[in-house]
Amino acid sequence: MDTLKKFGLMEKIVHELEDLRHSQQAIMQKLTKIEVDNIDLGDKRLEKVLPDMHQRIADNLDAIAALMEDFTEQTDKFGDKNNITALKEQQEIENLK
């Protein structure tokens, strides 16, 4: 795979992981609202199931954050190692011809 295409794909994955993290955060917020509403309602099934769901989502958030941090670092190192800035500049010059 072309170096610039590989770097572009790596950047895309970083952005997708960030979107995934935001989606999980939104799910966590909705779940928390349900838990708060159930304080007044007192539904036993919700009381039993929601804490486990909450924990699994929290675990997913931790895993996504760790993966995103590692993959972002890997992407940055790849960019530095392959001098992506210079490659992009060269590509722009070639596109102008």
Protein backbone atom coordinates (compact mmCIF):
# COMPACT_ATOMS: atom_id res chain seq x y z
CA MET A 1 0.00 0.00 0.00
CA ASP A 2 1.17 3.50 -0.82
CA THR A 3 2.63 5.28 2.24
CA LEU A 4 0.27 8.26 2.00
CA LYS A 5 -2.75 5.99 1.54
CA LYS A 6 -1.69 3.91 4.54
CA PHE A 7 -1.26 7.05 6.65
CA GLY A 8 -4.65 8.34 5.48
CA LEU A 9 -6.28 5.06 6.46
CA MET A 10 -4.58 5.16 9.85
CA GLU A 11 -5.86 8.71 10.42
CA LYS A 12 -9.35 7.60 9.37
CA ILE A 13 -9.25 4.78 11.94
CA VAL A 14 -8.17 7.24 14.66
CA HIS A 15 -11.20 9.41 13.81
CA GLU A 16 -13.51 6.38 13.77
CA LEU A 17 -12.23 5.32 17.19
CA GLU A 18 -12.93 8.84 18.45
CA ASP A 19 -16.46 8.64 17.04
CA LEU A 20 -16.88 5.26 18.71
CA ARG A 21 -15.75 6.75 22.03
CA HIS A 22 -18.28 9.57 21.67
CA SER A 23 -21.03 7.07 20.87
CA GLN A 24 -20.19 5.00 23.95
CA GLN A 25 -20.21 8.17 26.07
CA ALA A 26 -23.67 9.02 24.74
CA ILE A 27 -24.88 5.51 25.58
CA MET A 28 -23.44 5.88 29.08
CA GLN A 29 -25.27 9.19 29.55
CA LYS A 30 -28.58 7.67 28.42
CA LEU A 31 -28.10 4.68 30.70
CA THR A 32 -27.33 6.98 33.62
CA LYS A 33 -30.57 8.91 32.95
CA ILE A 34 -32.50 5.63 33.02
CA GLU A 35 -30.83 4.68 36.30
CA VAL A 36 -31.75 8.07 37.82
CA ASP A 37 -35.36 7.79 36.59
CA ASN A 38 -35.58 4.32 38.06
CA ILE A 39 -34.69 5.67 41.51
CA ASP A 40 -38.24 7.05 41.62
CA LEU A 41 -39.79 4.15 39.74
CA GLY A 42 -38.08 1.36 41.66
CA ASP A 43 -38.36 -1.32 38.97
CA LYS A 44 -36.54 -4.41 40.29
CA ARG A 45 -35.48 -5.72 36.87
CA LEU A 46 -33.93 -2.37 35.95
CA GLU A 47 -32.19 -2.27 39.33
CA LYS A 48 -30.74 -5.71 38.63
CA VAL A 49 -29.69 -5.28 34.98
CA LEU A 50 -28.61 -1.64 34.66
CA PRO A 51 -25.52 -1.77 36.92
CA ASP A 52 -24.07 -4.64 34.85
CA MET A 53 -24.78 -2.77 31.63
CA HIS A 54 -23.19 0.33 33.11
CA GLN A 55 -20.04 -1.62 33.99
CA ARG A 56 -19.76 -3.20 30.54
CA ILE A 57 -20.09 0.18 28.85
CA ALA A 58 -17.50 1.66 31.21
CA ASP A 59 -15.16 -1.23 30.38
CA ASN A 60 -15.73 -0.62 26.67
CA LEU A 61 -14.94 3.05 27.12
CA ASP A 62 -11.68 2.17 28.85
CA ALA A 63 -10.74 -0.28 26.09
CA ILE A 64 -11.57 2.23 23.35
CA ALA A 65 -9.57 4.97 25.08
CA ALA A 66 -6.53 2.71 25.46
CA LEU A 67 -6.75 1.51 21.87
CA MET A 68 -7.20 5.05 20.59
CA GLU A 69 -4.20 6.28 22.56
CA ASP A 70 -1.98 3.44 21.30
CA PHE A 71 -3.15 3.69 17.72
CA THR A 72 -2.80 7.48 17.66
CA GLU A 73 0.78 7.11 18.89
CA GLN A 74 1.42 4.44 16.25
CA THR A 75 -0.02 6.73 13.56
CA ASP A 76 2.10 9.67 14.71
CA LYS A 77 5.25 7.54 14.71
CA PHE A 78 4.44 6.24 11.24
CA GLY A 79 3.94 9.82 10.04
CA ASP A 80 7.24 10.97 11.52
CA LYS A 81 9.18 7.94 10.30
CA ASN A 82 7.91 8.32 6.75
CA ASN A 83 8.07 12.13 6.66
CA ILE A 84 4.42 12.38 5.68
CA THR A 85 4.50 16.19 5.57
CA ALA A 86 7.15 16.12 2.84
CA LEU A 87 5.30 13.37 0.96
CA LYS A 88 2.08 15.41 1.03
CA GLU A 89 3.94 18.48 -0.21
CA GLN A 90 5.51 16.44 -3.01
CA GLN A 91 2.13 15.04 -3.96
CA GLU A 92 0.66 18.56 -4.12
CA ILE A 93 3.49 19.71 -6.39
CA GLU A 94 2.94 16.73 -8.67
CA ASN A 95 -0.80 17.40 -8.77
CA LEU A 96 -0.16 20.98 -9.90
CA LYS A 97 1.80 19.81 -12.94
